[in-house]
Amino acid sequence: RRWQPDRVEELVRHRLFALERHHLSAGADAREAMVLRAPDWVNVIPLLPGGEVVLVRQWRYGIAAPTLEIPGGMVEGEGESERAAAERELLEETGYVARSWQRLGEVHPNPAFLTNRCGTWLATDLERVGPPEGDGEEEIEVQLCPLAAIPQLIASGEITHALVIAAFHHLALQPERCAP
């Protein structure tokens, strides 16, 4: 059935999301749903010519622990394109710029209650132009890792971020990119 909102209440507004309570109906039935309205996100797989991936280790407040990830973040504002966000995040988090970009795909991070999408980009022909600067709230350590080692890092639990795992799956669907 297609549930229609009869009324939407905004409960919290933050720069990262808006939390809404939706009062829904489908015919005579009614229910309530919580929705997080969030901007779209991007992830970047930065791949060096020798087959190494530029990873970032950063503290994640939600799990109170550091995680090993690829660069990524929010698409900011109405005017920023997904590609521009990917370029900005790569530079901010790693200090690299890329001359070649390929969009690999997208996922809905959790369509049960999130409204956004996360696009994955492959960045190649990289050049390091400076240290990572972050966005003022990030503490980032850059690490290089062979692409061939990524499946083991996922299997061992070293990489646990679901969107990062999905990004590497999108890359694995590009067999010409995954050859050793």
N, C-alpha and C. Protein backbone atom coordinates (compact mmCIF):
# COMPACT_ATOMS: atom_id res chain seq x y z
N ARG A 1 0.84 -1.19 0.00
CA ARG A 1 0.00 0.00 0.00
C ARG A 1 0.87 1.24 0.00
N ARG A 2 0.33 2.29 -0.53
CA ARG A 2 1.04 3.57 -0.57
C ARG A 2 0.53 4.45 0.58
N TRP A 3 1.39 4.69 1.55
CA TRP A 3 1.03 5.50 2.71
C TRP A 3 1.22 6.98 2.37
N GLN A 4 0.22 7.79 2.68
CA GLN A 4 0.25 9.22 2.38
C GLN A 4 0.35 10.01 3.69
N PRO A 5 1.20 11.05 3.71
CA PRO A 5 1.28 11.87 4.93
C PRO A 5 0.07 12.79 5.06
N ASP A 6 -0.60 12.70 6.20
CA ASP A 6 -1.69 13.62 6.52
C ASP A 6 -1.15 14.87 7.19
N ARG A 7 -0.08 14.66 7.96
CA ARG A 7 0.51 15.78 8.69
C ARG A 7 1.98 15.44 8.95
N VAL A 8 2.86 16.43 8.85
CA VAL A 8 4.29 16.26 9.12
C VAL A 8 4.71 17.29 10.17
N GLU A 9 5.33 16.80 11.24
CA GLU A 9 5.85 17.69 12.28
C GLU A 9 7.37 17.65 12.27
N GLU A 10 8.01 18.80 12.20
CA GLU A 10 9.46 18.84 12.32
C GLU A 10 9.80 18.89 13.80
N LEU A 11 10.54 17.89 14.28
CA LEU A 11 10.86 17.78 15.70
C LEU A 11 12.21 18.40 16.04
N VAL A 12 13.18 18.23 15.15
CA VAL A 12 14.53 18.74 15.37
C VAL A 12 15.10 19.19 14.03
N ARG A 13 15.77 20.32 14.02
CA ARG A 13 16.50 20.76 12.83
C ARG A 13 17.95 20.98 13.23
N HIS A 14 18.84 20.35 12.48
CA HIS A 14 20.28 20.43 12.70
C HIS A 14 20.92 20.61 11.33
N ARG A 15 22.15 21.06 11.26
CA ARG A 15 22.77 21.23 9.95
C ARG A 15 22.96 19.89 9.22
N LEU A 16 22.96 18.77 9.95
CA LEU A 16 23.14 17.46 9.34
C LEU A 16 21.83 16.81 8.90
N PHE A 17 20.70 17.18 9.53
CA PHE A 17 19.43 16.53 9.22
C PHE A 17 18.28 17.29 9.86
N ALA A 18 17.07 16.93 9.45
CA ALA A 18 15.85 17.35 10.14
C ALA A 18 15.10 16.07 10.51
N LEU A 19 14.70 15.96 11.75
CA LEU A 19 13.92 14.82 12.22
C LEU A 19 12.45 15.19 12.16
N GLU A 20 11.67 14.36 11.45
CA GLU A 20 10.25 14.63 11.26
C GLU A 20 9.41 13.45 11.74
N ARG A 21 8.22 13.77 12.27
CA ARG A 21 7.22 12.75 12.59
C ARG A 21 6.14 12.87 11.51
N HIS A 22 5.91 11.78 10.80
CA HIS A 22 4.90 11.75 9.75
C HIS A 22 3.68 10.97 10.25
N HIS A 23 2.53 11.61 10.18
CA HIS A 23 1.26 10.94 10.49
C HIS A 23 0.71 10.49 9.15
N LEU A 24 0.59 9.18 8.96
CA LEU A 24 0.29 8.58 7.66
C LEU A 24 -1.06 7.89 7.64
N SER A 25 -1.61 7.78 6.44
CA SER A 25 -2.84 6.99 6.28
C SER A 25 -2.79 6.26 4.94
N ALA A 26 -3.45 5.11 4.95
CA ALA A 26 -3.66 4.32 3.73
C ALA A 26 -5.08 3.77 3.87
N GLY A 27 -6.02 4.41 3.18
CA GLY A 27 -7.42 4.03 3.37
C GLY A 27 -7.85 4.38 4.78
N ALA A 28 -8.43 3.41 5.48
CA ALA A 28 -8.89 3.64 6.85
C ALA A 28 -7.80 3.43 7.89
N ASP A 29 -6.64 2.91 7.47
CA ASP A 29 -5.56 2.63 8.40
C ASP A 29 -4.67 3.86 8.60
N ALA A 30 -4.12 3.98 9.81
CA ALA A 30 -3.23 5.10 10.13
C ALA A 30 -2.03 4.58 10.88
N ARG A 31 -0.93 5.27 10.74
CA ARG A 31 0.28 4.95 11.49
C ARG A 31 1.17 6.17 11.53
N GLU A 32 2.26 6.03 12.26
CA GLU A 32 3.23 7.11 12.43
C GLU A 32 4.59 6.60 11.97
N ALA A 33 5.37 7.47 11.37
CA ALA A 33 6.74 7.12 10.96
C ALA A 33 7.67 8.27 11.31
N MET A 34 8.89 7.92 11.68
CA MET A 34 9.92 8.92 11.92
C MET A 34 10.80 8.96 10.67
N VAL A 35 11.10 10.16 10.20
CA VAL A 35 11.88 10.34 8.98
C VAL A 35 13.02 11.30 9.27
N LEU A 36 14.23 10.91 8.87
CA LEU A 36 15.38 11.81 8.92
C LEU A 36 15.58 12.36 7.52
N ARG A 37 15.34 13.65 7.36
CA ARG A 37 15.55 14.31 6.07
C ARG A 37 16.99 14.81 6.08
N ALA A 38 17.81 14.21 5.21
CA ALA A 38 19.24 14.51 5.20
C ALA A 38 19.69 14.86 3.79
N PRO A 39 20.77 15.65 3.68
CA PRO A 39 21.31 15.93 2.35
C PRO A 39 21.93 14.66 1.77
N ASP A 40 22.08 14.65 0.46
CA ASP A 40 22.76 13.53 -0.18
C ASP A 40 24.21 13.50 0.26
N TRP A 41 24.81 12.31 0.16
CA TRP A 41 26.20 12.11 0.55
C TRP A 41 26.99 11.60 -0.65
N VAL A 42 28.30 11.70 -0.54
CA VAL A 42 29.21 11.13 -1.54
C VAL A 42 30.30 10.34 -0.84
N ASN A 43 30.80 9.34 -1.54
CA ASN A 43 31.99 8.58 -1.14
C ASN A 43 32.94 8.58 -2.32
N VAL A 44 34.23 8.59 -2.03
CA VAL A 44 35.25 8.62 -3.07
C VAL A 44 36.24 7.48 -2.83
N ILE A 45 36.47 6.68 -3.86
CA ILE A 45 37.54 5.68 -3.81
C ILE A 45 38.72 6.28 -4.58
N PRO A 46 39.72 6.81 -3.85
CA PRO A 46 40.90 7.38 -4.52
C PRO A 46 41.91 6.27 -4.79
N LEU A 47 42.19 6.01 -6.06
CA LEU A 47 43.04 4.90 -6.46
C LEU A 47 44.32 5.42 -7.11
N LEU A 48 45.45 5.12 -6.47
CA LEU A 48 46.76 5.53 -6.99
C LEU A 48 47.19 4.61 -8.12
N PRO A 49 48.11 5.07 -9.00
CA PRO A 49 48.52 4.26 -10.16
C PRO A 49 49.07 2.88 -9.80
N GLY A 50 49.71 2.74 -8.64
CA GLY A 50 50.26 1.45 -8.24
C GLY A 50 49.24 0.50 -7.65
N GLY A 51 47.96 0.91 -7.61
CA GLY A 51 46.93 0.03 -7.09
C GLY A 51 46.64 0.22 -5.62
N GLU A 52 47.13 1.30 -5.02
CA GLU A 52 46.83 1.57 -3.62
C GLU A 52 45.63 2.51 -3.52
N VAL A 53 44.82 2.28 -2.49
CA VAL A 53 43.67 3.13 -2.19
C VAL A 53 44.09 4.08 -1.07
N VAL A 54 43.69 5.33 -1.20
CA VAL A 54 43.92 6.33 -0.15
C VAL A 54 42.74 6.23 0.81
N LEU A 55 43.01 5.76 2.02
CA LEU A 55 41.98 5.60 3.06
C LEU A 55 42.15 6.66 4.14
N VAL A 56 41.13 6.85 4.92
CA VAL A 56 41.19 7.76 6.06
C VAL A 56 40.73 7.03 7.31
N ARG A 57 41.44 7.27 8.38
CA ARG A 57 41.02 6.75 9.69
C ARG A 57 40.56 7.98 10.48
N GLN A 58 39.33 7.90 10.98
CA GLN A 58 38.81 9.03 11.75
C GLN A 58 37.89 8.57 12.86
N TRP A 59 37.78 9.41 13.87
CA TRP A 59 36.93 9.13 15.01
C TRP A 59 35.48 9.32 14.61
N ARG A 60 34.64 8.35 14.98
CA ARG A 60 33.21 8.43 14.70
C ARG A 60 32.46 8.46 16.03
N TYR A 61 31.77 9.57 16.27
CA TYR A 61 31.10 9.79 17.54
C TYR A 61 29.98 8.78 17.80
N GLY A 62 29.28 8.36 16.76
CA GLY A 62 28.16 7.43 16.93
C GLY A 62 28.55 6.12 17.58
N ILE A 63 29.73 5.61 17.23
CA ILE A 63 30.19 4.34 17.83
C ILE A 63 31.32 4.56 18.82
N ALA A 64 31.71 5.82 19.03
CA ALA A 64 32.78 6.18 19.97
C ALA A 64 34.06 5.39 19.70
N ALA A 65 34.45 5.35 18.43
CA ALA A 65 35.64 4.61 18.03
C ALA A 65 36.11 5.12 16.67
N PRO A 66 37.38 4.88 16.35
CA PRO A 66 37.86 5.24 15.02
C PRO A 66 37.42 4.20 14.00
N THR A 67 37.27 4.65 12.76
CA THR A 67 36.94 3.73 11.67
C THR A 67 37.91 3.96 10.51
N LEU A 68 38.08 2.93 9.71
CA LEU A 68 38.88 3.02 8.49
C LEU A 68 37.91 3.13 7.33
N GLU A 69 38.03 4.21 6.54
CA GLU A 69 37.04 4.53 5.52
C GLU A 69 37.72 5.09 4.28
N ILE A 70 36.88 5.43 3.32
CA ILE A 70 37.30 6.24 2.19
C ILE A 70 36.79 7.66 2.45
N PRO A 71 37.35 8.66 1.78
CA PRO A 71 36.84 10.02 1.98
C PRO A 71 35.38 10.12 1.55
N GLY A 72 34.64 10.96 2.24
CA GLY A 72 33.25 11.15 1.89
C GLY A 72 32.60 12.17 2.78
N GLY A 73 31.39 12.55 2.41
CA GLY A 73 30.65 13.52 3.22
C GLY A 73 29.40 13.98 2.52
N MET A 74 28.89 15.12 2.99
CA MET A 74 27.63 15.66 2.50
C MET A 74 27.81 16.47 1.22
N VAL A 75 26.78 16.42 0.39
CA VAL A 75 26.65 17.38 -0.70
C VAL A 75 26.07 18.62 -0.04
N GLU A 76 26.78 19.73 -0.11
CA GLU A 76 26.39 20.91 0.65
C GLU A 76 25.56 21.87 -0.18
N GLY A 77 24.39 22.19 0.33
CA GLY A 77 23.54 23.20 -0.28
C GLY A 77 22.93 22.78 -1.60
N GLU A 78 22.04 23.62 -2.08
CA GLU A 78 21.34 23.36 -3.33
C GLU A 78 22.27 23.44 -4.53
N GLY A 79 23.32 24.28 -4.45
CA GLY A 79 24.14 24.54 -5.62
C GLY A 79 25.29 23.60 -5.85
N GLU A 80 25.69 22.81 -4.85
CA GLU A 80 26.85 21.95 -5.02
C GLU A 80 26.44 20.65 -5.72
N SER A 81 27.15 20.31 -6.79
CA SER A 81 26.88 19.04 -7.47
C SER A 81 27.53 17.91 -6.69
N GLU A 82 27.07 16.70 -6.97
CA GLU A 82 27.65 15.52 -6.32
C GLU A 82 29.14 15.41 -6.66
N ARG A 83 29.50 15.65 -7.91
CA ARG A 83 30.90 15.58 -8.33
C ARG A 83 31.73 16.64 -7.60
N ALA A 84 31.22 17.87 -7.50
CA ALA A 84 31.95 18.92 -6.79
C ALA A 84 32.14 18.55 -5.32
N ALA A 85 31.13 17.93 -4.72
CA ALA A 85 31.24 17.48 -3.32
C ALA A 85 32.31 16.40 -3.21
N ALA A 86 32.35 15.48 -4.18
CA ALA A 86 33.37 14.43 -4.16
C ALA A 86 34.77 15.04 -4.27
N GLU A 87 34.95 16.00 -5.14
CA GLU A 87 36.24 16.67 -5.29
C GLU A 87 36.64 17.38 -4.00
N ARG A 88 35.68 18.09 -3.39
CA ARG A 88 35.95 18.81 -2.15
C ARG A 88 36.32 17.86 -1.02
N GLU A 89 35.54 16.78 -0.87
CA GLU A 89 35.82 15.82 0.21
C GLU A 89 37.18 15.15 0.03
N LEU A 90 37.53 14.80 -1.20
CA LEU A 90 38.84 14.18 -1.45
C LEU A 90 39.95 15.12 -1.01
N LEU A 91 39.87 16.37 -1.40
CA LEU A 91 40.92 17.34 -1.04
C LEU A 91 40.94 17.58 0.46
N GLU A 92 39.78 17.84 1.07
CA GLU A 92 39.71 18.13 2.50
C GLU A 92 40.27 16.99 3.35
N GLU A 93 39.89 15.77 3.00
CA GLU A 93 40.21 14.64 3.87
C GLU A 93 41.54 13.97 3.57
N THR A 94 42.08 14.17 2.37
CA THR A 94 43.33 13.47 2.02
C THR A 94 44.45 14.38 1.54
N GLY A 95 44.12 15.58 1.06
CA GLY A 95 45.13 16.45 0.46
C GLY A 95 45.41 16.11 -1.00
N TYR A 96 44.62 15.21 -1.60
CA TYR A 96 44.80 14.82 -2.99
C TYR A 96 43.75 15.50 -3.87
N VAL A 97 44.12 15.71 -5.13
CA VAL A 97 43.17 16.08 -6.19
C VAL A 97 43.28 15.00 -7.26
N ALA A 98 42.21 14.86 -8.04
CA ALA A 98 42.18 13.84 -9.10
C ALA A 98 41.88 14.52 -10.44
N ARG A 99 42.53 14.01 -11.47
CA ARG A 99 42.26 14.52 -12.82
C ARG A 99 41.23 13.66 -13.56
N SER A 100 40.92 12.49 -13.02
CA SER A 100 39.97 11.60 -13.68
C SER A 100 38.93 11.13 -12.66
N TRP A 101 37.66 11.22 -13.06
CA TRP A 101 36.55 10.86 -12.19
C TRP A 101 35.57 9.96 -12.93
N GLN A 102 35.07 8.94 -12.21
CA GLN A 102 34.03 8.06 -12.76
C GLN A 102 33.01 7.80 -11.67
N ARG A 103 31.75 8.02 -11.98
CA ARG A 103 30.69 7.71 -11.02
C ARG A 103 30.40 6.22 -11.11
N LEU A 104 30.47 5.54 -9.97
CA LEU A 104 30.30 4.09 -9.94
C LEU A 104 28.88 3.66 -9.63
N GLY A 105 28.12 4.48 -8.92
CA GLY A 105 26.75 4.10 -8.57
C GLY A 105 26.28 4.85 -7.35
N GLU A 106 25.12 4.44 -6.85
CA GLU A 106 24.56 5.07 -5.66
C GLU A 106 23.76 4.05 -4.87
N VAL A 107 23.58 4.36 -3.59
CA VAL A 107 22.74 3.56 -2.71
C VAL A 107 21.86 4.50 -1.89
N HIS A 108 20.77 3.96 -1.37
CA HIS A 108 19.98 4.65 -0.36
C HIS A 108 20.50 4.12 0.98
N PRO A 109 21.14 4.97 1.81
CA PRO A 109 21.76 4.48 3.04
C PRO A 109 20.83 3.69 3.95
N ASN A 110 19.60 4.15 4.14
CA ASN A 110 18.60 3.36 4.86
C ASN A 110 17.22 3.92 4.53
N PRO A 111 16.58 3.39 3.48
CA PRO A 111 15.31 3.95 3.03
C PRO A 111 14.15 3.75 4.02
N ALA A 112 14.37 3.02 5.10
CA ALA A 112 13.32 2.86 6.10
C ALA A 112 13.01 4.19 6.79
N PHE A 113 14.04 5.04 6.95
CA PHE A 113 13.78 6.32 7.63
C PHE A 113 14.64 7.48 7.12
N LEU A 114 15.60 7.22 6.24
CA LEU A 114 16.44 8.29 5.68
C LEU A 114 15.95 8.64 4.27
N THR A 115 16.00 9.92 3.92
CA THR A 115 15.51 10.37 2.62
C THR A 115 16.59 10.47 1.55
N ASN A 116 17.85 10.33 1.93
CA ASN A 116 18.93 10.69 1.01
C ASN A 116 19.52 9.51 0.24
N ARG A 117 20.46 9.87 -0.65
CA ARG A 117 21.22 8.90 -1.45
C ARG A 117 22.70 9.13 -1.16
N CYS A 118 23.51 8.13 -1.45
CA CYS A 118 24.96 8.26 -1.36
C CYS A 118 25.56 7.80 -2.69
N GLY A 119 26.20 8.72 -3.40
CA GLY A 119 26.85 8.41 -4.66
C GLY A 119 28.30 8.04 -4.45
N THR A 120 28.78 7.06 -5.20
CA THR A 120 30.17 6.62 -5.11
C THR A 120 30.92 7.02 -6.36
N TRP A 121 32.10 7.60 -6.15
CA TRP A 121 32.96 8.07 -7.24
C TRP A 121 34.32 7.42 -7.14
N LEU A 122 34.88 7.07 -8.29
CA LEU A 122 36.25 6.59 -8.39
C LEU A 122 37.10 7.77 -8.85
N ALA A 123 38.14 8.07 -8.10
CA ALA A 123 39.06 9.16 -8.43
C ALA A 123 40.42 8.56 -8.77
N THR A 124 40.93 8.87 -9.96
CA THR A 124 42.23 8.36 -10.40
C THR A 124 43.06 9.52 -10.95
N ASP A 125 44.29 9.19 -11.33
CA ASP A 125 45.24 10.21 -11.77
C ASP A 125 45.37 11.26 -10.66
N LEU A 126 45.77 10.77 -9.49
CA LEU A 126 45.81 11.59 -8.27
C LEU A 126 47.13 12.34 -8.13
N GLU A 127 47.03 13.49 -7.48
CA GLU A 127 48.21 14.27 -7.12
C GLU A 127 48.01 14.81 -5.71
N ARG A 128 49.01 14.60 -4.87
CA ARG A 128 48.93 15.14 -3.51
C ARG A 128 49.36 16.59 -3.56
N VAL A 129 48.50 17.49 -3.12
CA VAL A 129 48.79 18.92 -3.19
C VAL A 129 48.98 19.55 -1.82
N GLY A 130 48.82 18.78 -0.75
CA GLY A 130 49.01 19.30 0.59
C GLY A 130 48.51 18.32 1.62
N PRO A 131 48.57 18.71 2.89
CA PRO A 131 48.06 17.83 3.94
C PRO A 131 46.54 17.88 3.99
N PRO A 132 45.92 16.86 4.57
CA PRO A 132 44.46 16.91 4.75
C PRO A 132 44.11 18.05 5.71
N GLU A 133 43.07 18.78 5.39
CA GLU A 133 42.68 19.91 6.24
C GLU A 133 41.39 19.64 7.00
N GLY A 134 40.60 18.69 6.55
CA GLY A 134 39.33 18.41 7.21
C GLY A 134 38.38 19.57 7.07
N ASP A 135 37.26 19.47 7.77
CA ASP A 135 36.25 20.53 7.71
C ASP A 135 36.18 21.31 9.00
N GLY A 136 37.20 21.16 9.85
CA GLY A 136 37.21 21.84 11.14
C GLY A 136 36.70 20.98 12.27
N GLU A 137 36.00 19.90 11.97
CA GLU A 137 35.47 19.01 13.01
C GLU A 137 36.03 17.60 12.90
N GLU A 138 36.88 17.37 11.90
CA GLU A 138 37.40 16.03 11.65
C GLU A 138 38.86 15.93 12.12
N GLU A 139 39.19 14.77 12.64
CA GLU A 139 40.58 14.43 12.95
C GLU A 139 40.90 13.21 12.11
N ILE A 140 41.72 13.43 11.07
CA ILE A 140 41.89 12.41 10.04
C ILE A 140 43.35 11.99 9.93
N GLU A 141 43.55 10.69 9.80
CA GLU A 141 44.87 10.13 9.49
C GLU A 141 44.74 9.41 8.15
N VAL A 142 45.60 9.79 7.19
CA VAL A 142 45.57 9.19 5.86
C VAL A 142 46.41 7.92 5.86
N GLN A 143 45.89 6.86 5.25
CA GLN A 143 46.60 5.59 5.12
C GLN A 143 46.48 5.10 3.68
N LEU A 144 47.55 4.50 3.18
CA LEU A 144 47.51 3.86 1.86
C LEU A 144 47.40 2.37 2.07
N CYS A 145 46.60 1.73 1.22
CA CYS A 145 46.38 0.29 1.35
C CYS A 145 46.22 -0.29 -0.05
N PRO A 146 46.83 -1.44 -0.33
CA PRO A 146 46.62 -2.06 -1.63
C PRO A 146 45.14 -2.40 -1.84
N LEU A 147 44.64 -2.12 -3.03
CA LEU A 147 43.25 -2.45 -3.35
C LEU A 147 42.98 -3.93 -3.12
N ALA A 148 43.95 -4.77 -3.42
CA ALA A 148 43.77 -6.22 -3.25
C ALA A 148 43.56 -6.61 -1.79
N ALA A 149 43.95 -5.76 -0.83
CA ALA A 149 43.80 -6.07 0.59
C ALA A 149 42.43 -5.66 1.14
N ILE A 150 41.66 -4.89 0.38
CA ILE A 150 40.38 -4.38 0.89
C ILE A 150 39.41 -5.51 1.27
N PRO A 151 39.23 -6.56 0.46
CA PRO A 151 38.30 -7.63 0.89
C PRO A 151 38.66 -8.23 2.25
N GLN A 152 39.94 -8.40 2.52
CA GLN A 152 40.35 -8.95 3.81
C GLN A 152 40.08 -7.96 4.95
N LEU A 153 40.26 -6.66 4.68
CA LEU A 153 39.96 -5.65 5.71
C LEU A 153 38.47 -5.64 6.04
N ILE A 154 37.64 -5.89 5.04
CA ILE A 154 36.20 -5.98 5.28
C ILE A 154 35.88 -7.27 6.03
N ALA A 155 36.43 -8.41 5.58
CA ALA A 155 36.16 -9.71 6.22
C ALA A 155 36.62 -9.74 7.67
N SER A 156 37.73 -9.06 7.97
CA SER A 156 38.28 -9.08 9.33
C SER A 156 37.59 -8.09 10.26
N GLY A 157 36.75 -7.23 9.71
CA GLY A 157 36.07 -6.23 10.55
C GLY A 157 36.86 -4.95 10.72
N GLU A 158 37.95 -4.80 10.01
CA GLU A 158 38.71 -3.55 10.07
C GLU A 158 37.94 -2.43 9.37
N ILE A 159 37.29 -2.74 8.26
CA ILE A 159 36.39 -1.81 7.58
C ILE A 159 34.97 -2.30 7.86
N THR A 160 34.18 -1.46 8.57
CA THR A 160 32.82 -1.84 8.95
C THR A 160 31.76 -0.87 8.46
N HIS A 161 32.16 0.26 7.96
CA HIS A 161 31.20 1.28 7.52
C HIS A 161 30.44 0.75 6.31
N ALA A 162 29.13 0.62 6.44
CA ALA A 162 28.31 -0.01 5.40
C ALA A 162 28.41 0.72 4.06
N LEU A 163 28.48 2.03 4.07
CA LEU A 163 28.55 2.78 2.81
C LEU A 163 29.91 2.60 2.14
N VAL A 164 30.95 2.39 2.91
CA VAL A 164 32.28 2.12 2.35
C VAL A 164 32.28 0.73 1.71
N ILE A 165 31.69 -0.23 2.39
CA ILE A 165 31.60 -1.59 1.84
C ILE A 165 30.79 -1.57 0.54
N ALA A 166 29.69 -0.82 0.54
CA ALA A 166 28.88 -0.71 -0.68
C ALA A 166 29.69 -0.05 -1.80
N ALA A 167 30.51 0.94 -1.48
CA ALA A 167 31.33 1.62 -2.49
C ALA A 167 32.30 0.63 -3.13
N PHE A 168 32.95 -0.20 -2.31
CA PHE A 168 33.88 -1.18 -2.87
C PHE A 168 33.14 -2.25 -3.68
N HIS A 169 31.91 -2.53 -3.33
CA HIS A 169 31.11 -3.45 -4.15
C HIS A 169 30.86 -2.83 -5.53
N HIS A 170 30.51 -1.55 -5.54
CA HIS A 170 30.33 -0.86 -6.84
C HIS A 170 31.61 -0.93 -7.66
N LEU A 171 32.75 -0.76 -7.01
CA LEU A 171 34.02 -0.86 -7.74
C LEU A 171 34.24 -2.28 -8.26
N ALA A 172 33.88 -3.28 -7.46
CA ALA A 172 34.07 -4.67 -7.88
C ALA A 172 33.22 -5.02 -9.09
N LEU A 173 32.17 -4.26 -9.32
CA LEU A 173 31.34 -4.48 -10.51
C LEU A 173 31.99 -3.94 -11.78
N GLN A 174 33.15 -3.30 -11.63
CA GLN A 174 33.93 -2.76 -12.74
C GLN A 174 35.18 -3.64 -12.89
N PRO A 175 35.09 -4.81 -13.51
CA PRO A 175 36.21 -5.77 -13.51
C PRO A 175 37.52 -5.19 -14.04
N GLU A 176 37.45 -4.27 -15.00
CA GLU A 176 38.69 -3.68 -15.53
C GLU A 176 39.43 -2.86 -14.49
N ARG A 177 38.74 -2.40 -13.45
CA ARG A 177 39.35 -1.59 -12.39
C ARG A 177 39.94 -2.44 -11.27
N CYS A 178 39.51 -3.69 -11.18
CA CYS A 178 39.88 -4.52 -10.03
C CYS A 178 40.98 -5.51 -10.36
N ALA A 179 41.47 -5.52 -11.57
CA ALA A 179 42.53 -6.47 -11.92
C ALA A 179 43.81 -6.13 -11.17
N PRO A 180 44.51 -7.14 -10.64
CA PRO A 180 45.75 -6.86 -9.90
C PRO A 180 46.83 -6.31 -10.79
